[in-house]
Amino acid sequence: MYPKVAIVTTLINAGPVLEYFINYHLRIGFNHLFLFFDDPNDSAIRIARQYDAVTVICKDEKLLRRWRKTRLYQRNSAYHKFVHTEVMARQLLNVEIAVQMALKKNISWLLHIDVDELFYSPHMSVQEHFLSLSGKRSVTYLNHEAVPEAIEIQNYFSEVSLFKKNTSVLDLSQIAFINKQVAFNFGAKYFLYYSAGKSAAQVNENLFPVSVHAFYDDFEHISTDPVILHYPVCGFKHFWDKYRTLGDFSDKWFDEISIGNNVPFHLQARNEIYKNDQQSALSFYRKYIMLDNEEFIAECISKKLFFRRKESYAGEVKDY
């Protein structure tokens, strides 16, 4: 008997990608999605409520009361201070609440990803994969990062096909090639954002997250297939809107963890958008985010640094 598997996501301003995100994951075999909307007036809520397999939870007074009853909130006073200013704080509290809801729905496994991410399993179904995890309590999926090749992108899930591979699956010669490329020289980072993967865990009464990337301090299993496809800031409008929404956030997560030491691009992007100069921001996007050099892309694909994802309407996904 196949296990029941669900996704938990905290989102805001998902716009045109939400319907794809929901349909894709239900189509490949997820049984349920718990969607926590950070804006109770988000127009995308109407889309989510059309699905029986989606539970919609809005950030309102009822959710605030539920947060205060979680173990994370009661055990760590940092959540009292940062619950309204740190999206990661809200994400973790929402995951703990999703665990409670998953128990009531007899969900066996819960995956925590963002609305700009897809669970990518080209060689087996979701049910087959999670059935194969018998005896394991958690799994961390490596992530690959999307590379936009255009300025105007509406639905990045269907319009963006190019991905940088996670360095965890690259060899020394591939890493050496990366280090020589000006195109990858921003902040000495190959990925613009995180590379730590995202996790799923077996649902039980004692389950709660320790970060947005993990449920337990020890990763019991690392997966290189399936993986997570991450589509950050794909399209200039998505880039502009994301950082306008985030605003002038702190240089440190929770006033302690240096963003610059972990994701330097995140601060540079914040500073760029804060100028409120779209022409300058567009130049930034073209220089540091978008890649349209066909010869260089072909070379990276030949060296197996990049791959392309292809999807048919029926939902068959593969790289080529």
C-alpha atoms as a PDB file:
ATOM      1  CA  MET A   1       0.000   0.000   0.000  1.00  0.00           C
ATOM      2  CA  TYR A   2       1.426   3.355  -1.041  1.00  0.00           C
ATOM      3  CA  PRO A   3       2.004   6.003   1.651  1.00  0.00           C
ATOM      4  CA  LYS A   4       0.003   9.225   1.572  1.00  0.00           C
ATOM      5  CA  VAL A   5       2.291  12.185   0.903  1.00  0.00           C
ATOM      6  CA  ALA A   6       1.658  15.919   1.362  1.00  0.00           C
ATOM      7  CA  ILE A   7       3.404  19.247   0.794  1.00  0.00           C
ATOM      8  CA  VAL A   8       3.482  22.273   3.083  1.00  0.00           C
ATOM      9  CA  THR A   9       4.229  25.701   1.614  1.00  0.00           C
ATOM     10  CA  THR A  10       4.137  29.279   2.904  1.00  0.00           C
ATOM     11  CA  LEU A  11       3.523  31.715   0.058  1.00  0.00           C
ATOM     12  CA  ILE A  12       2.701  35.261  -0.967  1.00  0.00           C
ATOM     13  CA  ASN A  13       1.941  36.808  -4.371  1.00  0.00           C
ATOM     14  CA  ALA A  14       2.282  33.487  -6.202  1.00  0.00           C
ATOM     15  CA  GLY A  15       0.259  34.911  -9.076  1.00  0.00           C
ATOM     16  CA  PRO A  16       0.333  32.929 -12.329  1.00  0.00           C
ATOM     17  CA  VAL A  17       2.463  30.031 -11.040  1.00  0.00           C
ATOM     18  CA  LEU A  18       0.199  28.739  -8.246  1.00  0.00           C
ATOM     19  CA  GLU A  19      -2.185  26.787 -10.450  1.00  0.00           C
ATOM     20  CA  TYR A  20       0.739  25.069 -12.148  1.00  0.00           C
ATOM     21  CA  PHE A  21       2.379  24.344  -8.767  1.00  0.00           C
ATOM     22  CA  ILE A  22      -0.786  22.669  -7.468  1.00  0.00           C
ATOM     23  CA  ASN A  23      -1.651  20.732 -10.636  1.00  0.00           C
ATOM     24  CA  TYR A  24       1.898  19.520 -11.155  1.00  0.00           C
ATOM     25  CA  HIS A  25       2.297  18.072  -7.676  1.00  0.00           C
ATOM     26  CA  LEU A  26      -1.141  16.475  -7.583  1.00  0.00           C
ATOM     27  CA  ARG A  27      -0.536  15.006 -11.035  1.00  0.00           C
ATOM     28  CA  ILE A  28       2.768  13.354 -10.109  1.00  0.00           C
ATOM     29  CA  GLY A  29       1.237  11.716  -7.060  1.00  0.00           C
ATOM     30  CA  PHE A  30       1.100  13.982  -4.007  1.00  0.00           C
ATOM     31  CA  ASN A  31      -2.132  13.474  -2.092  1.00  0.00           C
ATOM     32  CA  HIS A  32      -2.527  16.833  -0.415  1.00  0.00           C
ATOM     33  CA  LEU A  33      -1.109  20.358  -0.166  1.00  0.00           C
ATOM     34  CA  PHE A  34      -1.196  22.621   2.905  1.00  0.00           C
ATOM     35  CA  LEU A  35      -0.877  26.201   1.654  1.00  0.00           C
ATOM     36  CA  PHE A  36      -0.261  28.972   4.191  1.00  0.00           C
ATOM     37  CA  PHE A  37      -0.959  32.389   2.689  1.00  0.00           C
ATOM     38  CA  ASP A  38       1.109  35.164   4.250  1.00  0.00           C
ATOM     39  CA  ASP A  39      -1.365  37.745   2.929  1.00  0.00           C
ATOM     40  CA  PRO A  40      -5.005  36.986   3.829  1.00  0.00           C
ATOM     41  CA  ASN A  41      -6.093  39.152   0.878  1.00  0.00           C
ATOM     42  CA  ASP A  42      -3.928  37.327  -1.672  1.00  0.00           C
ATOM     43  CA  SER A  43      -5.913  36.975  -4.902  1.00  0.00           C
ATOM     44  CA  ALA A  44      -4.435  33.487  -5.424  1.00  0.00           C
ATOM     45  CA  ILE A  45      -6.419  32.140  -2.467  1.00  0.00           C
ATOM     46  CA  ARG A  46      -9.420  31.867  -4.768  1.00  0.00           C
ATOM     47  CA  ILE A  47      -7.420  29.542  -7.046  1.00  0.00           C
ATOM     48  CA  ALA A  48      -6.259  27.309  -4.197  1.00  0.00           C
ATOM     49  CA  ARG A  49      -9.766  26.904  -2.791  1.00  0.00           C
ATOM     50  CA  GLN A  50     -10.951  25.297  -6.004  1.00  0.00           C
ATOM     51  CA  TYR A  51      -9.051  22.105  -5.129  1.00  0.00           C
ATOM     52  CA  ASP A  52     -10.390  19.482  -2.724  1.00  0.00           C
ATOM     53  CA  ALA A  53      -6.842  18.245  -2.147  1.00  0.00           C
ATOM     54  CA  VAL A  54      -5.650  21.662  -0.936  1.00  0.00           C
ATOM     55  CA  THR A  55      -6.050  23.074   2.566  1.00  0.00           C
ATOM     56  CA  VAL A  56      -5.871  26.879   2.645  1.00  0.00           C
ATOM     57  CA  ILE A  57      -4.691  28.589   5.835  1.00  0.00           C
ATOM     58  CA  CYS A  58      -4.483  32.382   5.958  1.00  0.00           C
ATOM     59  CA  LYS A  59      -2.374  34.538   8.221  1.00  0.00           C
ATOM     60  CA  ASP A  60      -5.072  35.861  10.554  1.00  0.00           C
ATOM     61  CA  GLU A  61      -5.861  36.000  14.253  1.00  0.00           C
ATOM     62  CA  LYS A  62      -6.836  32.342  14.288  1.00  0.00           C
ATOM     63  CA  LEU A  63      -3.451  31.339  12.871  1.00  0.00           C
ATOM     64  CA  LEU A  64      -1.666  33.622  15.351  1.00  0.00           C
ATOM     65  CA  ARG A  65      -3.361  31.766  18.198  1.00  0.00           C
ATOM     66  CA  ARG A  66      -2.327  28.442  16.717  1.00  0.00           C
ATOM     67  CA  TRP A  67       1.279  29.622  16.389  1.00  0.00           C
ATOM     68  CA  ARG A  68       1.399  30.504  20.087  1.00  0.00           C
ATOM     69  CA  LYS A  69       0.435  26.945  20.987  1.00  0.00           C
ATOM     70  CA  THR A  70       3.231  25.309  18.991  1.00  0.00           C
ATOM     71  CA  ARG A  71       6.282  23.821  20.653  1.00  0.00           C
ATOM     72  CA  LEU A  72       8.571  26.024  18.577  1.00  0.00           C
ATOM     73  CA  TYR A  73       6.882  29.184  19.819  1.00  0.00           C
ATOM     74  CA  GLN A  74       6.732  28.034  23.437  1.00  0.00           C
ATOM     75  CA  ARG A  75      10.320  26.781  23.558  1.00  0.00           C
ATOM     76  CA  ASN A  76      12.068  29.639  21.767  1.00  0.00           C
ATOM     77  CA  SER A  77      11.323  33.273  22.599  1.00  0.00           C
ATOM     78  CA  ALA A  78      12.896  34.337  19.284  1.00  0.00           C
ATOM     79  CA  TYR A  79       9.626  33.440  17.603  1.00  0.00           C
ATOM     80  CA  HIS A  80       7.818  35.977  19.801  1.00  0.00           C
ATOM     81  CA  LYS A  81      10.093  38.709  18.447  1.00  0.00           C
ATOM     82  CA  PHE A  82      10.444  37.697  14.823  1.00  0.00           C
ATOM     83  CA  VAL A  83       7.131  36.088  13.915  1.00  0.00           C
ATOM     84  CA  HIS A  84       5.994  39.160  11.963  1.00  0.00           C
ATOM     85  CA  THR A  85       9.356  40.192  10.500  1.00  0.00           C
ATOM     86  CA  GLU A  86      11.077  36.903   9.576  1.00  0.00           C
ATOM     87  CA  VAL A  87       9.383  34.803   6.929  1.00  0.00           C
ATOM     88  CA  MET A  88      11.461  31.802   8.038  1.00  0.00           C
ATOM     89  CA  ALA A  89       9.934  32.040  11.510  1.00  0.00           C
ATOM     90  CA  ARG A  90       6.450  31.858  10.015  1.00  0.00           C
ATOM     91  CA  GLN A  91       7.472  29.023   7.715  1.00  0.00           C
ATOM     92  CA  LEU A  92       8.668  26.877  10.600  1.00  0.00           C
ATOM     93  CA  LEU A  93       5.597  27.580  12.715  1.00  0.00           C
ATOM     94  CA  ASN A  94       3.411  26.731   9.725  1.00  0.00           C
ATOM     95  CA  VAL A  95       5.238  23.453   9.211  1.00  0.00           C
ATOM     96  CA  GLU A  96       4.567  22.424  12.798  1.00  0.00           C
ATOM     97  CA  ILE A  97       0.878  23.220  12.349  1.00  0.00           C
ATOM     98  CA  ALA A  98       0.856  21.292   9.052  1.00  0.00           C
ATOM     99  CA  VAL A  99       2.239  18.263  10.886  1.00  0.00           C
ATOM    100  CA  GLN A 100      -0.770  18.402  13.212  1.00  0.00           C
ATOM    101  CA  MET A 101      -3.165  18.603  10.264  1.00  0.00           C
ATOM    102  CA  ALA A 102      -1.316  15.829   8.420  1.00  0.00           C
ATOM    103  CA  LEU A 103      -1.789  13.500  11.382  1.00  0.00           C
ATOM    104  CA  LYS A 104      -5.555  14.011  11.179  1.00  0.00           C
ATOM    105  CA  LYS A 105      -5.518  13.204   7.459  1.00  0.00           C
ATOM    106  CA  ASN A 106      -3.365  10.078   7.941  1.00  0.00           C
ATOM    107  CA  ILE A 107      -0.545  11.562   5.881  1.00  0.00           C
ATOM    108  CA  SER A 108       2.608   9.427   6.073  1.00  0.00           C
ATOM    109  CA  TRP A 109       5.208  11.860   4.704  1.00  0.00           C
ATOM    110  CA  LEU A 110       5.372  15.662   4.652  1.00  0.00           C
ATOM    111  CA  LEU A 111       7.587  17.644   2.245  1.00  0.00           C
ATOM    112  CA  HIS A 112       8.428  21.297   2.942  1.00  0.00           C
ATOM    113  CA  ILE A 113       9.124  23.368  -0.177  1.00  0.00           C
ATOM    114  CA  ASP A 114       8.441  26.893  -1.451  1.00  0.00           C
ATOM    115  CA  VAL A 115       6.081  27.964  -4.217  1.00  0.00           C
ATOM    116  CA  ASP A 116       9.057  28.595  -6.546  1.00  0.00           C
ATOM    117  CA  GLU A 117      10.132  24.949  -6.277  1.00  0.00           C
ATOM    118  CA  LEU A 118       9.063  21.650  -7.825  1.00  0.00           C
ATOM    119  CA  PHE A 119       9.624  18.099  -6.631  1.00  0.00           C
ATOM    120  CA  TYR A 120      11.347  16.493  -9.636  1.00  0.00           C
ATOM    121  CA  SER A 121      11.187  12.708  -9.906  1.00  0.00           C
ATOM    122  CA  PRO A 122      11.850  11.760 -13.543  1.00  0.00           C
ATOM    123  CA  HIS A 123      12.537   8.075 -12.974  1.00  0.00           C
ATOM    124  CA  MET A 124       9.839   6.940 -10.548  1.00  0.00           C
ATOM    125  CA  SER A 125       6.453   8.001  -9.287  1.00  0.00           C
ATOM    126  CA  VAL A 126       6.063   9.891  -6.024  1.00  0.00           C
ATOM    127  CA  GLN A 127       4.353   6.855  -4.480  1.00  0.00           C
ATOM    128  CA  GLU A 128       7.131   4.495  -5.589  1.00  0.00           C
ATOM    129  CA  HIS A 129       9.781   6.815  -4.205  1.00  0.00           C
ATOM    130  CA  PHE A 130       8.250   7.218  -0.760  1.00  0.00           C
ATOM    131  CA  LEU A 131       7.452   3.523  -0.568  1.00  0.00           C
ATOM    132  CA  SER A 132      11.165   2.873  -1.151  1.00  0.00           C
ATOM    133  CA  LEU A 133      12.011   4.950   1.950  1.00  0.00           C
ATOM    134  CA  SER A 134      10.678   2.306   4.317  1.00  0.00           C
ATOM    135  CA  GLY A 135      12.734   2.350   7.529  1.00  0.00           C
ATOM    136  CA  LYS A 136      13.916   5.931   7.055  1.00  0.00           C
ATOM    137  CA  ARG A 137      12.497   8.855   9.016  1.00  0.00           C
ATOM    138  CA  SER A 138      13.652  11.754   6.839  1.00  0.00           C
ATOM    139  CA  VAL A 139      15.221  12.543   3.488  1.00  0.00           C
ATOM    140  CA  THR A 140      16.944  15.657   2.139  1.00  0.00           C
ATOM    141  CA  TYR A 141      16.629  16.320  -1.586  1.00  0.00           C
ATOM    142  CA  LEU A 142      19.435  18.151  -3.324  1.00  0.00           C
ATOM    143  CA  ASN A 143      18.289  21.234  -5.229  1.00  0.00           C
ATOM    144  CA  HIS A 144      19.248  22.444  -8.684  1.00  0.00           C
ATOM    145  CA  GLU A 145      18.909  26.149  -9.534  1.00  0.00           C
ATOM    146  CA  ALA A 146      17.046  27.486 -12.561  1.00  0.00           C
ATOM    147  CA  VAL A 147      18.794  29.837 -14.994  1.00  0.00           C
ATOM    148  CA  PRO A 148      16.467  32.292 -16.775  1.00  0.00           C
ATOM    149  CA  GLU A 149      17.341  33.011 -20.384  1.00  0.00           C
ATOM    150  CA  ALA A 150      14.890  35.882 -20.919  1.00  0.00           C
ATOM    151  CA  ILE A 151      13.781  39.132 -19.316  1.00  0.00           C
ATOM    152  CA  GLU A 152      10.039  38.656 -19.681  1.00  0.00           C
ATOM    153  CA  ILE A 153       8.841  35.447 -18.024  1.00  0.00           C
ATOM    154  CA  GLN A 154       5.295  34.878 -16.802  1.00  0.00           C
ATOM    155  CA  ASN A 155       5.105  31.263 -15.634  1.00  0.00           C
ATOM    156  CA  TYR A 156       8.674  30.226 -14.887  1.00  0.00           C
ATOM    157  CA  PHE A 157       7.675  26.596 -14.360  1.00  0.00           C
ATOM    158  CA  SER A 158       6.657  26.231 -17.995  1.00  0.00           C
ATOM    159  CA  GLU A 159       8.992  28.800 -19.569  1.00  0.00           C
ATOM    160  CA  VAL A 160      12.339  28.067 -17.860  1.00  0.00           C
ATOM    161  CA  SER A 161      14.070  24.780 -18.633  1.00  0.00           C
ATOM    162  CA  LEU A 162      17.774  25.380 -17.869  1.00  0.00           C
ATOM    163  CA  PHE A 163      19.311  24.399 -14.504  1.00  0.00           C
ATOM    164  CA  LYS A 164      22.669  24.563 -12.768  1.00  0.00           C
ATOM    165  CA  LYS A 165      23.467  21.293 -11.053  1.00  0.00           C
ATOM    166  CA  ASN A 166      24.127  21.298  -7.329  1.00  0.00           C
ATOM    167  CA  THR A 167      27.870  21.230  -6.662  1.00  0.00           C
ATOM    168  CA  SER A 168      27.369  18.114  -4.515  1.00  0.00           C
ATOM    169  CA  VAL A 169      27.017  16.074  -7.705  1.00  0.00           C
ATOM    170  CA  LEU A 170      29.953  17.686  -9.551  1.00  0.00           C
ATOM    171  CA  ASP A 171      33.534  16.396  -9.721  1.00  0.00           C
ATOM    172  CA  LEU A 172      36.775  18.341  -9.212  1.00  0.00           C
ATOM    173  CA  SER A 173      37.256  19.132 -12.914  1.00  0.00           C
ATOM    174  CA  GLN A 174      33.754  20.576 -13.117  1.00  0.00           C
ATOM    175  CA  ILE A 175      34.348  22.682 -10.004  1.00  0.00           C
ATOM    176  CA  ALA A 176      37.628  23.933 -11.468  1.00  0.00           C
ATOM    177  CA  PHE A 177      35.812  25.010 -14.632  1.00  0.00           C
ATOM    178  CA  ILE A 178      33.209  26.882 -12.575  1.00  0.00           C
ATOM    179  CA  ASN A 179      35.883  28.742 -10.610  1.00  0.00           C
ATOM    180  CA  LYS A 180      37.401  30.107 -13.807  1.00  0.00           C
ATOM    181  CA  GLN A 181      34.166  31.539 -15.183  1.00  0.00           C
ATOM    182  CA  VAL A 182      33.318  35.223 -14.807  1.00  0.00           C
ATOM    183  CA  ALA A 183      29.659  34.288 -15.211  1.00  0.00           C
ATOM    184  CA  PHE A 184      29.822  32.450 -11.870  1.00  0.00           C
ATOM    185  CA  ASN A 185      31.939  34.992 -10.037  1.00  0.00           C
ATOM    186  CA  PHE A 186      29.243  36.894  -8.172  1.00  0.00           C
ATOM    187  CA  GLY A 187      30.156  36.769  -4.484  1.00  0.00           C
ATOM    188  CA  ALA A 188      32.298  33.709  -5.222  1.00  0.00           C
ATOM    189  CA  LYS A 189      29.035  31.756  -5.521  1.00  0.00           C
ATOM    190  CA  TYR A 190      27.996  29.346  -8.274  1.00  0.00           C
ATOM    191  CA  PHE A 191      24.410  29.264  -6.988  1.00  0.00           C
ATOM    192  CA  LEU A 192      22.796  32.629  -6.284  1.00  0.00           C
ATOM    193  CA  TYR A 193      20.727  31.147  -3.476  1.00  0.00           C
ATOM    194  CA  TYR A 194      20.797  28.112  -1.185  1.00  0.00           C
ATOM    195  CA  SER A 195      22.270  24.719  -2.071  1.00  0.00           C
ATOM    196  CA  ALA A 196      21.385  22.773   1.100  1.00  0.00           C
ATOM    197  CA  GLY A 197      18.339  21.048  -0.368  1.00  0.00           C
ATOM    198  CA  LYS A 198      14.848  20.626   1.066  1.00  0.00           C
ATOM    199  CA  SER A 199      13.480  17.832   3.231  1.00  0.00           C
ATOM    200  CA  ALA A 200      10.593  15.482   3.823  1.00  0.00           C
ATOM    201  CA  ALA A 201       9.944  13.461   6.963  1.00  0.00           C
ATOM    202  CA  GLN A 202       7.684  10.747   8.266  1.00  0.00           C
ATOM    203  CA  VAL A 203       4.762  12.317  10.072  1.00  0.00           C
ATOM    204  CA  ASN A 204       4.452  11.610  13.783  1.00  0.00           C
ATOM    205  CA  GLU A 205       3.372  13.490  16.893  1.00  0.00           C
ATOM    206  CA  ASN A 206       6.938  14.465  17.775  1.00  0.00           C
ATOM    207  CA  LEU A 207       7.918  15.799  14.358  1.00  0.00           C
ATOM    208  CA  PHE A 208       8.860  19.446  13.992  1.00  0.00           C
ATOM    209  CA  PRO A 209      11.328  21.350  11.782  1.00  0.00           C
ATOM    210  CA  VAL A 210      14.767  22.551  12.851  1.00  0.00           C
ATOM    211  CA  SER A 211      15.200  24.811   9.799  1.00  0.00           C
ATOM    212  CA  VAL A 212      13.503  25.544   6.496  1.00  0.00           C
ATOM    213  CA  HIS A 213      15.779  22.866   5.021  1.00  0.00           C
ATOM    214  CA  ALA A 214      15.470  20.050   7.544  1.00  0.00           C
ATOM    215  CA  PHE A 215      13.238  18.333  10.065  1.00  0.00           C
ATOM    216  CA  TYR A 216      16.055  16.741  12.048  1.00  0.00           C
ATOM    217  CA  ASP A 217      19.584  17.837  12.919  1.00  0.00           C
ATOM    218  CA  ASP A 218      20.946  14.696  11.283  1.00  0.00           C
ATOM    219  CA  PHE A 219      20.117  14.040   7.625  1.00  0.00           C
ATOM    220  CA  GLU A 220      19.393  10.344   7.541  1.00  0.00           C
ATOM    221  CA  HIS A 221      19.214  10.120   3.764  1.00  0.00           C
ATOM    222  CA  ILE A 222      20.392  12.386   0.928  1.00  0.00           C
ATOM    223  CA  SER A 223      18.582  12.059  -2.394  1.00  0.00           C
ATOM    224  CA  THR A 224      20.127  12.935  -5.756  1.00  0.00           C
ATOM    225  CA  ASP A 225      17.099  11.469  -7.546  1.00  0.00           C
ATOM    226  CA  PRO A 226      14.433  12.760  -6.935  1.00  0.00           C
ATOM    227  CA  VAL A 227      15.577  16.358  -6.429  1.00  0.00           C
ATOM    228  CA  ILE A 228      14.148  19.840  -5.978  1.00  0.00           C
ATOM    229  CA  LEU A 229      14.053  22.254  -8.907  1.00  0.00           C
ATOM    230  CA  HIS A 230      14.400  25.809  -7.599  1.00  0.00           C
ATOM    231  CA  TYR A 231      13.179  28.714  -9.758  1.00  0.00           C
ATOM    232  CA  PRO A 232      14.347  31.875  -7.942  1.00  0.00           C
ATOM    233  CA  VAL A 233      13.771  35.296  -9.565  1.00  0.00           C
ATOM    234  CA  CYS A 234      13.093  33.903 -13.030  1.00  0.00           C
ATOM    235  CA  GLY A 235      11.960  36.908 -15.023  1.00  0.00           C
ATOM    236  CA  PHE A 236      12.616  40.557 -14.278  1.00  0.00           C
ATOM    237  CA  LYS A 237       9.114  41.226 -12.944  1.00  0.00           C
ATOM    238  CA  HIS A 238       9.386  38.295 -10.509  1.00  0.00           C
ATOM    239  CA  PHE A 239      12.765  39.618  -9.381  1.00  0.00           C
ATOM    240  CA  TRP A 240      11.465  43.167  -8.921  1.00  0.00           C
ATOM    241  CA  ASP A 241       8.243  42.098  -7.170  1.00  0.00           C
ATOM    242  CA  LYS A 242      10.017  39.684  -4.827  1.00  0.00           C
ATOM    243  CA  TYR A 243      12.416  42.263  -3.436  1.00  0.00           C
ATOM    244  CA  ARG A 244       9.813  45.033  -3.348  1.00  0.00           C
ATOM    245  CA  THR A 245       7.716  42.685  -1.181  1.00  0.00           C
ATOM    246  CA  LEU A 246      10.664  41.769   1.062  1.00  0.00           C
ATOM    247  CA  GLY A 247      11.605  45.426   1.484  1.00  0.00           C
ATOM    248  CA  ASP A 248      14.609  46.722   3.422  1.00  0.00           C
ATOM    249  CA  PHE A 249      15.199  43.582   5.475  1.00  0.00           C
ATOM    250  CA  SER A 250      18.020  43.149   7.992  1.00  0.00           C
ATOM    251  CA  ASP A 251      21.549  42.015   7.115  1.00  0.00           C
ATOM    252  CA  LYS A 252      21.049  39.146   9.566  1.00  0.00           C
ATOM    253  CA  TRP A 253      18.428  36.455   9.930  1.00  0.00           C
ATOM    254  CA  PHE A 254      16.993  36.561  13.453  1.00  0.00           C
ATOM    255  CA  ASP A 255      19.550  39.303  14.270  1.00  0.00           C
ATOM    256  CA  GLU A 256      22.230  36.600  14.491  1.00  0.00           C
ATOM    257  CA  ILE A 257      22.958  34.783  11.235  1.00  0.00           C
ATOM    258  CA  SER A 258      24.837  36.792   8.619  1.00  0.00           C
ATOM    259  CA  ILE A 259      23.044  36.741   5.273  1.00  0.00           C
ATOM    260  CA  GLY A 260      26.155  38.099   3.578  1.00  0.00           C
ATOM    261  CA  ASN A 261      28.217  35.110   4.680  1.00  0.00           C
ATOM    262  CA  ASN A 262      25.608  32.655   3.441  1.00  0.00           C
ATOM    263  CA  VAL A 263      23.745  34.212   0.511  1.00  0.00           C
ATOM    264  CA  PRO A 264      25.588  37.414  -0.519  1.00  0.00           C
ATOM    265  CA  PHE A 265      23.459  37.802  -3.631  1.00  0.00           C
ATOM    266  CA  HIS A 266      20.349  38.194  -1.455  1.00  0.00           C
ATOM    267  CA  LEU A 267      21.718  41.394   0.090  1.00  0.00           C
ATOM    268  CA  GLN A 268      22.971  42.771  -3.213  1.00  0.00           C
ATOM    269  CA  ALA A 269      19.552  42.193  -4.766  1.00  0.00           C
ATOM    270  CA  ARG A 270      17.890  43.927  -1.813  1.00  0.00           C
ATOM    271  CA  ASN A 271      20.190  46.928  -2.176  1.00  0.00           C
ATOM    272  CA  GLU A 272      19.592  47.117  -5.909  1.00  0.00           C
ATOM    273  CA  ILE A 273      15.803  47.072  -5.700  1.00  0.00           C
ATOM    274  CA  TYR A 274      15.857  49.512  -2.785  1.00  0.00           C
ATOM    275  CA  LYS A 275      17.186  52.150  -5.214  1.00  0.00           C
ATOM    276  CA  ASN A 276      13.755  52.054  -6.861  1.00  0.00           C
ATOM    277  CA  ASP A 277      15.377  52.447 -10.266  1.00  0.00           C
ATOM    278  CA  GLN A 278      13.950  49.910 -12.719  1.00  0.00           C
ATOM    279  CA  GLN A 279      16.552  50.566 -15.404  1.00  0.00           C
ATOM    280  CA  SER A 280      19.389  49.961 -12.969  1.00  0.00           C
ATOM    281  CA  ALA A 281      17.625  46.864 -11.637  1.00  0.00           C
ATOM    282  CA  LEU A 282      17.137  45.565 -15.167  1.00  0.00           C
ATOM    283  CA  SER A 283      20.873  45.917 -15.858  1.00  0.00           C
ATOM    284  CA  PHE A 284      21.561  44.054 -12.600  1.00  0.00           C
ATOM    285  CA  TYR A 285      19.163  41.284 -13.634  1.00  0.00           C
ATOM    286  CA  ARG A 286      20.771  40.918 -17.060  1.00  0.00           C
ATOM    287  CA  LYS A 287      24.301  40.848 -15.598  1.00  0.00           C
ATOM    288  CA  TYR A 288      23.884  38.601 -12.574  1.00  0.00           C
ATOM    289  CA  ILE A 289      20.725  36.524 -13.059  1.00  0.00           C
ATOM    290  CA  MET A 290      19.893  36.043 -16.724  1.00  0.00           C
ATOM    291  CA  LEU A 291      22.128  33.995 -19.014  1.00  0.00           C
ATOM    292  CA  ASP A 292      21.586  34.224 -22.782  1.00  0.00           C
ATOM    293  CA  ASN A 293      24.997  33.227 -24.144  1.00  0.00           C
ATOM    294  CA  GLU A 294      24.021  30.194 -26.198  1.00  0.00           C
ATOM    295  CA  GLU A 295      27.604  29.059 -26.805  1.00  0.00           C
ATOM    296  CA  PHE A 296      28.460  29.173 -23.101  1.00  0.00           C
ATOM    297  CA  ILE A 297      25.215  27.395 -22.176  1.00  0.00           C
ATOM    298  CA  ALA A 298      25.974  24.642 -24.690  1.00  0.00           C
ATOM    299  CA  GLU A 299      29.472  24.246 -23.208  1.00  0.00           C
ATOM    300  CA  CYS A 300      28.064  23.968 -19.671  1.00  0.00           C
ATOM    301  CA  ILE A 301      25.551  21.369 -20.827  1.00  0.00           C
ATOM    302  CA  SER A 302      28.290  19.381 -22.573  1.00  0.00           C
ATOM    303  CA  LYS A 303      30.344  19.442 -19.362  1.00  0.00           C
ATOM    304  CA  LYS A 304      27.245  18.258 -17.463  1.00  0.00           C
ATOM    305  CA  LEU A 305      27.158  21.366 -15.286  1.00  0.00           C
ATOM    306  CA  PHE A 306      23.769  22.348 -16.682  1.00  0.00           C
ATOM    307  CA  PHE A 307      20.803  20.303 -17.787  1.00  0.00           C
ATOM    308  CA  ARG A 308      17.469  21.053 -19.379  1.00  0.00           C
ATOM    309  CA  ARG A 309      14.139  19.905 -18.062  1.00  0.00           C
ATOM    310  CA  LYS A 310      11.482  19.024 -20.554  1.00  0.00           C
ATOM    311  CA  GLU A 311       7.821  18.424 -19.789  1.00  0.00           C
ATOM    312  CA  SER A 312       4.950  17.194 -21.881  1.00  0.00           C
ATOM    313  CA  TYR A 313       1.349  18.119 -21.227  1.00  0.00           C
ATOM    314  CA  ALA A 314       0.800  14.669 -19.720  1.00  0.00           C
ATOM    315  CA  GLY A 315       3.289  15.528 -17.016  1.00  0.00           C
ATOM    316  CA  GLU A 316       6.168  13.307 -18.078  1.00  0.00           C
ATOM    317  CA  VAL A 317       9.351  15.043 -16.984  1.00  0.00           C
ATOM    318  CA  LYS A 318      12.907  14.300 -17.985  1.00  0.00           C
ATOM    319  CA  ASP A 319      16.184  16.040 -18.720  1.00  0.00           C
ATOM    320  CA  TYR A 320      17.890  16.076 -22.067  1.00  0.00           C
END
